[in-house]
């Protein structure tokens, strides 16, 4: 796994541990979107690495940077401080939406280079975007898409 810097790697490991603990808890084990929630750390890692890669076009870097800020911000539509790990659902969905918009417009080798997840990154992104309506509801997803624009 490549990383932008050591602090990013530490954040990734802490986030990954947090999501693993939740997914291993009784509440997490019964959650229908546990696999999607577990993809959160890997998607965030991917976005951070893509933002710092010189081969990623500037317009995608700007979108990714905006989503990263949204992801780590304690103030968003489903705040993690209130909802716990479920609060990452909107962050994960919008990040997958932005990455999905990039898939056919940049070299997929860039995405594969930085993917830290165990499952196939393209399948993971497609699975999250197709489940986003059920995960968030159409109204919330529509607001998020509008905020981060179309590709």
N, C-alpha and C. Protein backbone atom coordinates (compact mmCIF):
# COMPACT_ATOMS: atom_id res chain seq x y z
N UNK A 1 0.83 -1.17 0.00
CA UNK A 1 0.00 0.00 0.00
C UNK A 1 0.88 1.24 0.00
N UNK A 2 0.64 2.12 -0.91
CA UNK A 2 1.35 3.40 -0.93
C UNK A 2 0.56 4.41 -0.12
N UNK A 3 1.25 5.38 0.41
CA UNK A 3 0.60 6.39 1.21
C UNK A 3 1.24 7.73 0.95
N UNK A 4 0.46 8.78 1.10
CA UNK A 4 0.95 10.12 0.88
C UNK A 4 2.00 10.50 1.92
N UNK A 5 1.81 10.12 3.16
CA UNK A 5 2.78 10.40 4.22
C UNK A 5 2.48 9.54 5.43
N UNK A 6 3.42 9.47 6.39
CA UNK A 6 3.23 8.59 7.57
C UNK A 6 2.00 8.96 8.41
N UNK A 7 1.68 10.26 8.54
CA UNK A 7 0.50 10.64 9.32
C UNK A 7 -0.77 10.09 8.67
N UNK A 8 -0.79 10.10 7.35
CA UNK A 8 -1.95 9.54 6.63
C UNK A 8 -2.06 8.05 6.93
N UNK A 9 -0.95 7.36 6.94
CA UNK A 9 -0.94 5.92 7.21
C UNK A 9 -1.47 5.66 8.62
N UNK A 10 -1.05 6.46 9.62
CA UNK A 10 -1.54 6.30 10.99
C UNK A 10 -3.05 6.54 11.06
N UNK A 11 -3.53 7.59 10.39
CA UNK A 11 -4.96 7.87 10.37
C UNK A 11 -5.72 6.70 9.75
N UNK A 12 -5.20 6.19 8.65
CA UNK A 12 -5.83 5.06 7.96
C UNK A 12 -5.95 3.87 8.91
N UNK A 13 -4.85 3.54 9.61
CA UNK A 13 -4.87 2.39 10.51
C UNK A 13 -5.87 2.59 11.66
N UNK A 14 -5.92 3.79 12.23
CA UNK A 14 -6.88 4.07 13.31
C UNK A 14 -8.32 3.97 12.80
N UNK A 15 -8.58 4.54 11.64
CA UNK A 15 -9.91 4.49 11.05
C UNK A 15 -10.30 3.05 10.74
N UNK A 16 -9.39 2.29 10.18
CA UNK A 16 -9.63 0.89 9.84
C UNK A 16 -9.96 0.10 11.12
N UNK A 17 -9.17 0.31 12.20
CA UNK A 17 -9.44 -0.39 13.47
C UNK A 17 -10.82 -0.04 14.01
N UNK A 18 -11.18 1.24 13.96
CA UNK A 18 -12.49 1.69 14.44
C UNK A 18 -13.61 0.99 13.68
N UNK A 19 -13.50 0.93 12.37
CA UNK A 19 -14.55 0.30 11.57
C UNK A 19 -14.57 -1.22 11.81
N UNK A 20 -13.40 -1.82 11.98
CA UNK A 20 -13.36 -3.26 12.28
C UNK A 20 -14.03 -3.56 13.62
N UNK A 21 -13.73 -2.73 14.63
CA UNK A 21 -14.36 -2.93 15.95
C UNK A 21 -15.88 -2.83 15.84
N UNK A 22 -16.36 -1.84 15.11
CA UNK A 22 -17.80 -1.70 14.94
C UNK A 22 -18.37 -2.91 14.21
N UNK A 23 -17.74 -3.31 13.14
CA UNK A 23 -18.26 -4.42 12.35
C UNK A 23 -18.22 -5.74 13.12
N UNK A 24 -17.31 -5.86 14.09
CA UNK A 24 -17.23 -7.07 14.89
C UNK A 24 -18.16 -7.03 16.11
N UNK A 25 -18.75 -5.87 16.38
CA UNK A 25 -19.68 -5.74 17.50
C UNK A 25 -21.02 -6.37 17.11
N UNK A 26 -21.82 -6.74 18.11
CA UNK A 26 -23.15 -7.31 17.78
C UNK A 26 -23.98 -6.38 16.89
N UNK A 27 -23.93 -5.08 17.16
CA UNK A 27 -24.70 -4.13 16.35
C UNK A 27 -24.17 -4.10 14.91
N UNK A 28 -22.86 -4.06 14.76
CA UNK A 28 -22.24 -4.01 13.44
C UNK A 28 -22.44 -5.29 12.65
N UNK A 29 -22.36 -6.43 13.33
CA UNK A 29 -22.50 -7.72 12.64
C UNK A 29 -23.89 -7.88 12.04
N UNK A 30 -24.86 -7.23 12.64
CA UNK A 30 -26.23 -7.37 12.13
C UNK A 30 -26.59 -6.25 11.14
N UNK A 31 -25.69 -5.30 10.95
CA UNK A 31 -26.01 -4.17 10.06
C UNK A 31 -25.92 -4.62 8.60
N UNK A 32 -26.96 -4.31 7.83
CA UNK A 32 -27.00 -4.79 6.45
C UNK A 32 -25.97 -4.13 5.54
N UNK A 33 -25.40 -3.00 5.96
CA UNK A 33 -24.41 -2.33 5.13
C UNK A 33 -23.00 -2.42 5.72
N UNK A 34 -22.74 -3.43 6.53
CA UNK A 34 -21.44 -3.51 7.21
C UNK A 34 -20.27 -3.59 6.22
N UNK A 35 -20.44 -4.30 5.12
CA UNK A 35 -19.38 -4.39 4.12
C UNK A 35 -19.07 -3.02 3.51
N UNK A 36 -20.10 -2.25 3.28
CA UNK A 36 -19.92 -0.91 2.72
C UNK A 36 -19.21 -0.01 3.73
N UNK A 37 -19.61 -0.08 4.99
CA UNK A 37 -18.96 0.73 6.01
C UNK A 37 -17.48 0.38 6.14
N UNK A 38 -17.17 -0.89 6.01
CA UNK A 38 -15.78 -1.32 6.11
C UNK A 38 -14.93 -0.78 4.95
N UNK A 39 -15.56 -0.46 3.83
CA UNK A 39 -14.83 0.09 2.68
C UNK A 39 -14.43 1.55 2.89
N UNK A 40 -15.02 2.22 3.87
CA UNK A 40 -14.74 3.63 4.12
C UNK A 40 -13.27 3.98 4.25
N UNK A 41 -12.53 3.30 5.13
CA UNK A 41 -11.10 3.64 5.26
C UNK A 41 -10.33 3.47 3.96
N UNK A 42 -10.66 2.43 3.20
CA UNK A 42 -9.94 2.18 1.94
C UNK A 42 -10.27 3.24 0.89
N UNK A 43 -11.52 3.66 0.84
CA UNK A 43 -11.91 4.71 -0.11
C UNK A 43 -11.26 6.05 0.26
N UNK A 44 -11.23 6.35 1.56
CA UNK A 44 -10.59 7.60 1.99
C UNK A 44 -9.10 7.57 1.68
N UNK A 45 -8.46 6.45 1.95
CA UNK A 45 -7.03 6.30 1.63
C UNK A 45 -6.80 6.52 0.14
N UNK A 46 -7.64 5.90 -0.68
CA UNK A 46 -7.53 6.04 -2.13
C UNK A 46 -7.66 7.50 -2.55
N UNK A 47 -8.64 8.20 -2.00
CA UNK A 47 -8.86 9.60 -2.36
C UNK A 47 -7.66 10.47 -1.98
N UNK A 48 -7.12 10.26 -0.78
CA UNK A 48 -5.98 11.05 -0.33
C UNK A 48 -4.78 10.81 -1.24
N UNK A 49 -4.55 9.57 -1.60
CA UNK A 49 -3.42 9.26 -2.49
C UNK A 49 -3.63 9.85 -3.89
N UNK A 50 -4.85 9.78 -4.41
CA UNK A 50 -5.12 10.33 -5.74
C UNK A 50 -4.95 11.84 -5.76
N UNK A 51 -5.35 12.51 -4.68
CA UNK A 51 -5.19 13.97 -4.61
C UNK A 51 -3.71 14.35 -4.70
N UNK A 52 -2.84 13.53 -4.16
CA UNK A 52 -1.42 13.89 -4.16
C UNK A 52 -0.66 13.29 -5.34
N UNK A 53 -1.33 12.62 -6.27
CA UNK A 53 -0.67 12.04 -7.43
C UNK A 53 -0.62 13.06 -8.57
N UNK A 54 0.56 13.27 -9.12
CA UNK A 54 0.74 14.28 -10.18
C UNK A 54 0.01 13.92 -11.47
N UNK A 55 -0.34 12.66 -11.66
CA UNK A 55 -0.99 12.24 -12.90
C UNK A 55 -2.52 12.38 -12.88
N UNK A 56 -3.08 12.75 -11.74
CA UNK A 56 -4.53 12.93 -11.66
C UNK A 56 -4.86 14.36 -12.08
N UNK A 57 -5.77 14.52 -13.04
CA UNK A 57 -6.14 15.87 -13.50
C UNK A 57 -6.65 16.74 -12.34
N UNK A 58 -6.36 18.02 -12.45
CA UNK A 58 -6.68 18.99 -11.40
C UNK A 58 -8.17 19.02 -11.06
N UNK A 59 -9.05 18.89 -12.05
CA UNK A 59 -10.48 18.95 -11.78
C UNK A 59 -10.93 17.81 -10.87
N UNK A 60 -10.30 16.64 -11.01
CA UNK A 60 -10.64 15.52 -10.12
C UNK A 60 -10.04 15.72 -8.74
N UNK A 61 -8.84 16.30 -8.70
CA UNK A 61 -8.21 16.57 -7.41
C UNK A 61 -9.07 17.52 -6.58
N UNK A 62 -9.65 18.52 -7.24
CA UNK A 62 -10.50 19.48 -6.52
C UNK A 62 -11.74 18.80 -5.95
N UNK A 63 -12.38 17.94 -6.74
CA UNK A 63 -13.55 17.22 -6.25
C UNK A 63 -13.18 16.29 -5.11
N UNK A 64 -12.09 15.57 -5.29
CA UNK A 64 -11.66 14.65 -4.24
C UNK A 64 -11.30 15.40 -2.96
N UNK A 65 -10.63 16.52 -3.11
CA UNK A 65 -10.26 17.32 -1.93
C UNK A 65 -11.52 17.78 -1.19
N UNK A 66 -12.53 18.20 -1.94
CA UNK A 66 -13.79 18.64 -1.31
C UNK A 66 -14.45 17.48 -0.56
N UNK A 67 -14.43 16.30 -1.15
CA UNK A 67 -15.03 15.14 -0.49
C UNK A 67 -14.21 14.73 0.74
N UNK A 68 -12.90 14.83 0.67
CA UNK A 68 -12.06 14.51 1.82
C UNK A 68 -12.38 15.45 2.98
N UNK A 69 -12.51 16.73 2.68
CA UNK A 69 -12.86 17.70 3.71
C UNK A 69 -14.23 17.35 4.31
N UNK A 70 -15.18 17.03 3.45
CA UNK A 70 -16.51 16.63 3.93
C UNK A 70 -16.40 15.38 4.80
N UNK A 71 -15.60 14.42 4.36
CA UNK A 71 -15.44 13.14 5.05
C UNK A 71 -14.90 13.34 6.46
N UNK A 72 -13.89 14.18 6.61
CA UNK A 72 -13.26 14.33 7.93
C UNK A 72 -13.91 15.41 8.79
N UNK A 73 -14.80 16.19 8.20
CA UNK A 73 -15.48 17.23 8.95
C UNK A 73 -16.45 16.62 9.96
N UNK A 74 -16.46 17.13 11.18
CA UNK A 74 -17.42 16.61 12.17
C UNK A 74 -18.84 17.12 11.90
N UNK A 75 -18.97 18.08 11.00
CA UNK A 75 -20.28 18.64 10.69
C UNK A 75 -20.66 18.24 9.26
N UNK A 76 -21.59 17.32 9.16
CA UNK A 76 -22.12 16.94 7.84
C UNK A 76 -23.54 16.43 8.03
N UNK A 77 -24.11 15.86 6.98
CA UNK A 77 -25.52 15.48 7.04
C UNK A 77 -25.81 14.34 8.02
N UNK A 78 -24.86 13.41 8.18
CA UNK A 78 -24.96 12.34 9.17
C UNK A 78 -23.70 12.38 10.04
N UNK A 79 -23.68 13.22 11.06
CA UNK A 79 -22.44 13.37 11.84
C UNK A 79 -22.07 12.10 12.62
N UNK A 80 -20.81 11.74 12.52
CA UNK A 80 -20.30 10.55 13.19
C UNK A 80 -20.39 10.68 14.71
N UNK A 81 -20.26 11.91 15.22
CA UNK A 81 -20.32 12.12 16.67
C UNK A 81 -21.69 11.74 17.23
N UNK A 82 -22.72 11.86 16.42
CA UNK A 82 -24.07 11.51 16.86
C UNK A 82 -24.42 10.07 16.49
N UNK A 83 -24.12 9.69 15.26
CA UNK A 83 -24.55 8.39 14.74
C UNK A 83 -23.51 7.28 14.86
N UNK A 84 -22.31 7.60 15.31
CA UNK A 84 -21.25 6.60 15.38
C UNK A 84 -20.82 6.21 13.97
N UNK A 85 -20.33 4.99 13.81
CA UNK A 85 -19.84 4.57 12.48
C UNK A 85 -20.88 4.66 11.37
N UNK A 86 -22.16 4.55 11.70
CA UNK A 86 -23.20 4.70 10.67
C UNK A 86 -23.15 6.10 10.07
N UNK A 87 -22.65 7.06 10.82
CA UNK A 87 -22.53 8.43 10.33
C UNK A 87 -21.58 8.58 9.17
N UNK A 88 -20.76 7.56 8.92
CA UNK A 88 -19.86 7.60 7.76
C UNK A 88 -20.56 7.20 6.47
N UNK A 89 -21.80 6.75 6.56
CA UNK A 89 -22.50 6.26 5.36
C UNK A 89 -22.58 7.33 4.27
N UNK A 90 -22.92 8.57 4.65
CA UNK A 90 -23.01 9.62 3.63
C UNK A 90 -21.64 9.94 3.06
N UNK A 91 -20.61 9.92 3.90
CA UNK A 91 -19.25 10.20 3.44
C UNK A 91 -18.78 9.14 2.43
N UNK A 92 -19.03 7.89 2.80
CA UNK A 92 -18.62 6.78 1.93
C UNK A 92 -19.38 6.82 0.61
N UNK A 93 -20.68 7.07 0.68
CA UNK A 93 -21.50 7.10 -0.54
C UNK A 93 -21.05 8.20 -1.49
N UNK A 94 -20.81 9.41 -0.97
CA UNK A 94 -20.44 10.50 -1.87
C UNK A 94 -19.02 10.30 -2.41
N UNK A 95 -18.14 9.74 -1.61
CA UNK A 95 -16.79 9.44 -2.10
C UNK A 95 -16.85 8.39 -3.21
N UNK A 96 -17.65 7.36 -3.03
CA UNK A 96 -17.82 6.35 -4.08
C UNK A 96 -18.43 6.97 -5.33
N UNK A 97 -19.39 7.87 -5.16
CA UNK A 97 -20.02 8.55 -6.29
C UNK A 97 -18.99 9.34 -7.09
N UNK A 98 -18.13 10.10 -6.40
CA UNK A 98 -17.11 10.90 -7.09
C UNK A 98 -16.09 9.98 -7.77
N UNK A 99 -15.66 8.94 -7.07
CA UNK A 99 -14.70 8.00 -7.68
C UNK A 99 -15.32 7.29 -8.88
N UNK A 100 -16.57 6.94 -8.79
CA UNK A 100 -17.26 6.30 -9.91
C UNK A 100 -17.28 7.20 -11.14
N UNK A 101 -17.46 8.50 -10.91
CA UNK A 101 -17.44 9.46 -12.01
C UNK A 101 -16.07 9.59 -12.66
N UNK A 102 -15.04 9.21 -11.94
CA UNK A 102 -13.68 9.30 -12.46
C UNK A 102 -13.25 8.05 -13.23
N UNK A 103 -13.89 6.92 -12.97
CA UNK A 103 -13.42 5.62 -13.45
C UNK A 103 -13.12 5.58 -14.95
N UNK A 104 -13.98 6.13 -15.76
CA UNK A 104 -13.78 6.06 -17.21
C UNK A 104 -13.02 7.26 -17.76
N UNK A 105 -12.61 8.17 -16.88
CA UNK A 105 -11.95 9.38 -17.35
C UNK A 105 -10.48 9.49 -16.96
N UNK A 106 -10.02 8.59 -16.11
CA UNK A 106 -8.59 8.57 -15.78
C UNK A 106 -8.09 7.14 -15.93
N UNK A 107 -6.80 7.00 -15.97
CA UNK A 107 -6.18 5.68 -16.07
C UNK A 107 -6.56 4.86 -14.84
N UNK A 108 -7.21 3.72 -15.05
CA UNK A 108 -7.62 2.89 -13.92
C UNK A 108 -6.43 2.35 -13.15
N UNK A 109 -5.26 2.35 -13.78
CA UNK A 109 -4.04 1.95 -13.09
C UNK A 109 -3.75 2.85 -11.90
N UNK A 110 -4.13 4.13 -12.01
CA UNK A 110 -3.94 5.05 -10.89
C UNK A 110 -4.79 4.62 -9.69
N UNK A 111 -6.01 4.23 -9.97
CA UNK A 111 -6.90 3.79 -8.90
C UNK A 111 -6.39 2.49 -8.31
N UNK A 112 -6.00 1.56 -9.15
CA UNK A 112 -5.51 0.27 -8.66
C UNK A 112 -4.21 0.40 -7.88
N UNK A 113 -3.38 1.37 -8.24
CA UNK A 113 -2.09 1.57 -7.58
C UNK A 113 -2.26 1.86 -6.09
N UNK A 114 -3.30 2.59 -5.74
CA UNK A 114 -3.46 3.04 -4.37
C UNK A 114 -4.53 2.29 -3.57
N UNK A 115 -5.20 1.35 -4.18
CA UNK A 115 -6.27 0.64 -3.49
C UNK A 115 -5.69 -0.25 -2.40
N UNK A 116 -6.18 -0.08 -1.18
CA UNK A 116 -5.69 -0.85 -0.03
C UNK A 116 -6.67 -1.93 0.39
N UNK A 117 -7.83 -1.95 -0.21
CA UNK A 117 -8.86 -2.91 0.19
C UNK A 117 -8.57 -4.32 -0.29
N UNK A 118 -9.30 -5.24 0.29
CA UNK A 118 -9.13 -6.65 -0.07
C UNK A 118 -9.99 -7.04 -1.26
N UNK A 119 -11.13 -6.38 -1.42
CA UNK A 119 -12.01 -6.70 -2.54
C UNK A 119 -11.61 -5.87 -3.76
N UNK A 120 -12.18 -6.19 -4.89
CA UNK A 120 -11.91 -5.45 -6.13
C UNK A 120 -12.45 -4.03 -6.01
N UNK A 121 -11.61 -3.04 -6.24
CA UNK A 121 -11.99 -1.64 -6.06
C UNK A 121 -13.15 -1.24 -6.97
N UNK A 122 -13.14 -1.69 -8.20
CA UNK A 122 -14.20 -1.31 -9.13
C UNK A 122 -15.54 -1.90 -8.70
N UNK A 123 -15.52 -3.15 -8.25
CA UNK A 123 -16.73 -3.80 -7.76
C UNK A 123 -17.23 -3.09 -6.50
N UNK A 124 -16.30 -2.74 -5.62
CA UNK A 124 -16.66 -2.06 -4.38
C UNK A 124 -17.34 -0.72 -4.66
N UNK A 125 -16.75 0.06 -5.55
CA UNK A 125 -17.32 1.37 -5.88
C UNK A 125 -18.71 1.21 -6.50
N UNK A 126 -18.85 0.28 -7.41
CA UNK A 126 -20.16 0.05 -8.05
C UNK A 126 -21.19 -0.43 -7.03
N UNK A 127 -20.77 -1.31 -6.11
CA UNK A 127 -21.68 -1.83 -5.10
C UNK A 127 -22.18 -0.69 -4.19
N UNK A 128 -21.28 0.19 -3.81
CA UNK A 128 -21.67 1.30 -2.93
C UNK A 128 -22.58 2.27 -3.66
N UNK A 129 -22.24 2.63 -4.89
CA UNK A 129 -23.09 3.58 -5.62
C UNK A 129 -24.48 3.00 -5.89
N UNK A 130 -24.55 1.70 -6.15
CA UNK A 130 -25.86 1.12 -6.41
C UNK A 130 -26.66 0.95 -5.12
N UNK A 131 -25.99 0.86 -3.98
CA UNK A 131 -26.69 0.72 -2.69
C UNK A 131 -26.95 2.07 -2.02
N UNK A 132 -26.44 3.15 -2.60
CA UNK A 132 -26.50 4.46 -1.94
C UNK A 132 -27.93 4.92 -1.67
N UNK A 133 -28.85 4.66 -2.56
CA UNK A 133 -30.25 5.04 -2.33
C UNK A 133 -30.80 4.35 -1.08
N UNK A 134 -30.53 3.06 -0.98
CA UNK A 134 -31.01 2.30 0.18
C UNK A 134 -30.25 2.71 1.44
N UNK A 135 -28.99 3.04 1.28
CA UNK A 135 -28.14 3.40 2.40
C UNK A 135 -28.53 4.75 2.99
N UNK A 136 -28.79 5.71 2.14
CA UNK A 136 -29.04 7.08 2.59
C UNK A 136 -30.45 7.58 2.36
N UNK A 137 -31.13 6.99 1.42
CA UNK A 137 -32.42 7.52 1.01
C UNK A 137 -32.20 8.45 -0.18
N UNK A 138 -33.15 8.49 -1.06
CA UNK A 138 -32.99 9.26 -2.30
C UNK A 138 -32.82 10.75 -2.06
N UNK A 139 -33.52 11.31 -1.07
CA UNK A 139 -33.45 12.75 -0.81
C UNK A 139 -32.07 13.18 -0.36
N UNK A 140 -31.48 12.45 0.58
CA UNK A 140 -30.16 12.80 1.09
C UNK A 140 -29.10 12.61 0.00
N UNK A 141 -29.20 11.52 -0.74
CA UNK A 141 -28.24 11.28 -1.81
C UNK A 141 -28.33 12.38 -2.87
N UNK A 142 -29.54 12.80 -3.19
CA UNK A 142 -29.72 13.86 -4.18
C UNK A 142 -29.07 15.16 -3.71
N UNK A 143 -29.21 15.50 -2.43
CA UNK A 143 -28.56 16.69 -1.87
C UNK A 143 -27.04 16.60 -1.97
N UNK A 144 -26.52 15.43 -1.64
CA UNK A 144 -25.06 15.25 -1.69
C UNK A 144 -24.55 15.35 -3.13
N UNK A 145 -25.23 14.72 -4.05
CA UNK A 145 -24.82 14.79 -5.46
C UNK A 145 -24.84 16.22 -5.96
N UNK A 146 -25.87 16.96 -5.57
CA UNK A 146 -25.96 18.34 -5.99
C UNK A 146 -24.80 19.17 -5.41
N UNK A 147 -24.44 18.90 -4.17
CA UNK A 147 -23.34 19.63 -3.52
C UNK A 147 -22.00 19.38 -4.19
N UNK A 148 -21.79 18.15 -4.66
CA UNK A 148 -20.49 17.81 -5.24
C UNK A 148 -20.50 17.80 -6.76
N UNK A 149 -21.61 18.15 -7.35
CA UNK A 149 -21.69 18.35 -8.80
C UNK A 149 -21.59 17.09 -9.62
N UNK A 150 -21.97 17.24 -10.84
CA UNK A 150 -21.86 16.14 -11.81
C UNK A 150 -20.51 16.21 -12.46
N UNK A 151 -20.08 15.05 -13.00
CA UNK A 151 -18.75 14.98 -13.64
C UNK A 151 -18.77 15.42 -15.06
